[in-house]
Amino acid sequence: MALLRYTASADTTIVNAYQPNLRTRGTGANAGEADVMEVFSIYGRQDSGSQELSRILLQFPTTQISSDRTSAIVPASGSVSFYLRLFNAATSKTTPIDYKLVVAAVSQSWQEGVGLDLEGYTDITNGNTGANWMSASDTAAWTTVGGDYLTSSSDLFFEQTFESGLEDMEIDVTALVESWIAGTQDNYGVEILLSSSYEAYYSSSTGENTSSIINNLVGATKSYYTKRFFARGSQFFFKRPIIEARWSDVTRDDRGNFFFSSSRAPAADNLNTLYFYNIIRGRLVNIPNVSTGEIYVSLYSGSKNNSVPSGSELSLYDGTTACTGGYVSTGIYSCSIGITSSIPIVSPLYDVWFSGSEQYYTGSIKPEEITTGGSLNPIQYVINVTNLKNSYYNTETTRLNLYVRNKNWSPNIYTVANASPRIYSIQSASYRVYRVLDGQEAVAYGTGSDFHTGLSYDVSGNYFDFDMSMLEPGYTYAFKFAFYDEQVKAWQEQAENFKFRVEKSSQ
């Protein structure tokens, strides 16, 4: 499981915009219960130099992220990225184009409030619970009107450029989330606003803010009105603001995909990665005498009946007789090993994992020779999710197994009686999830640097873990798969759809 989502725990919009009478500013207004949030800047509506601004406040439950890290569900710092994702809300109002939004860490606590009105700004807090342009809460004012946040000189300050104005927001805020988890920055959430060069110009005679108006000498003399995002109270499950944790947990275990070394192959392709899983009483645990240190692996040919290792260690690709492996995670060890084809292919190889004089595990391998051909004939596949259930609860996390074989496998009478089709382990495979009813994409392919929707593989084929809590209960969804084709240097989506339903758990 390399993808988790954390929905905002609080959000609101604060403004210094005029109410419809163009005489009274809505600086006391709160919109904590509105189903959308908005950012805008209006220049010169009330008079030739008037400034009206709107900003967003958001907070996320980092205690849950910290708990997931403690439980090893979320990887350690440096192995995971966190993205702030907000989703565009269509509006009949004019949408700005070619502008920049910034995301900055808020530097004091604030209250969400219960206001709704984003048109007339009539839901005035008047000392009641809720943040507004002037106050962070019913007991504390902002130090600076419009919200207190860390400035652009901080590394906890982020930007995204919008061209059409209709884009969603997706910003890597890993540094900020990690600072919340570590406790080096208090989690007061973030403020989202137009970059200062896009907020409306205003020159104060004193050089300071004037009442609710921001002194901004680098500001714009045109309007940017209005960018709306869905809020956490939206009825649209997949449009609510989230922090998305992404990482790659792909494991490539070549035990069922082991090749002899070849002079025609580059060095990296002459090595095979093997894994050893130390499972004790149904759980992974570290080997006491190895812990997180080195472990060693030697290869042996088979005995006369090919049932156990026999003879001396075989010479490996690099001329040694033992490969140095290492710790991957709790109870999991791996090594990268290669061997020439001087061993008869009919004989299985045996990998023996040891440290000192103590042996921990013996596995078997059926190696193949690297083959080439006179033409490029792309393989077409037949795929199936072998353990997919008809329905899941939204509290489940499940491991799904993908079976892949050559579509053109044509057995004759002999092969039907004596062989099974080869199970292919796809080196680079990715999944996505969509809602069947309307095609709404619930999880997109994550094939970038994070590779957070990548599939692992072992001797049984490809597999991946999926957290059903990311899907709205009461609907049918489908998995789709894409394989990377090295010949055309592109991802090829497979034709099959694998449908399942998500139900709400009673727990």
Foldseek 3Di string as FASTA:
>chain_A
DFKDKWFWPWKWKAKQDAFPVLPHGLQQFIAGAAQKAKWKWAAAPSHNGDIMTMKMFTFTDLVVVLVCVVVVVADDPPFKWKKWWWAFDDDPDDAFFWFKKKKFAAADAAFSDDHRDPHRSPRGQPLHAGDYQFDRGSVGGAPAGRGHTDDPVDPQMGMDTGGVRRGIDITTRRVVSVCCSVVVGPGRGIMMYTDLQAHGADDDPVNQADDSRGHRHNYDNHIRDITMTGDQNHPDLLRHIIIMMGADPAAAACQQPAAAADPVDPPVVQKGKHKDAQADPRHFAADVVARFHKKKKFKAWADPVLPDGDDDTDQWPVRDGIFIWGHDDGRMIMTITHHHPPDPLVIWMKMWIGDDPDTDDIDIGRYDYDDDDDDDDDFDKDKDFVPDDQEEELQDKDKTFMWIFGPPDDDDPVCVVPHDTRTDAFPWKFKWKAFPVPRHTLGDQDCPPRRRRTWYAHSRYTMDMDRSNSDDADTKMWMWMWGQDPVVRDIHTHDDIHIHHYHHDPD
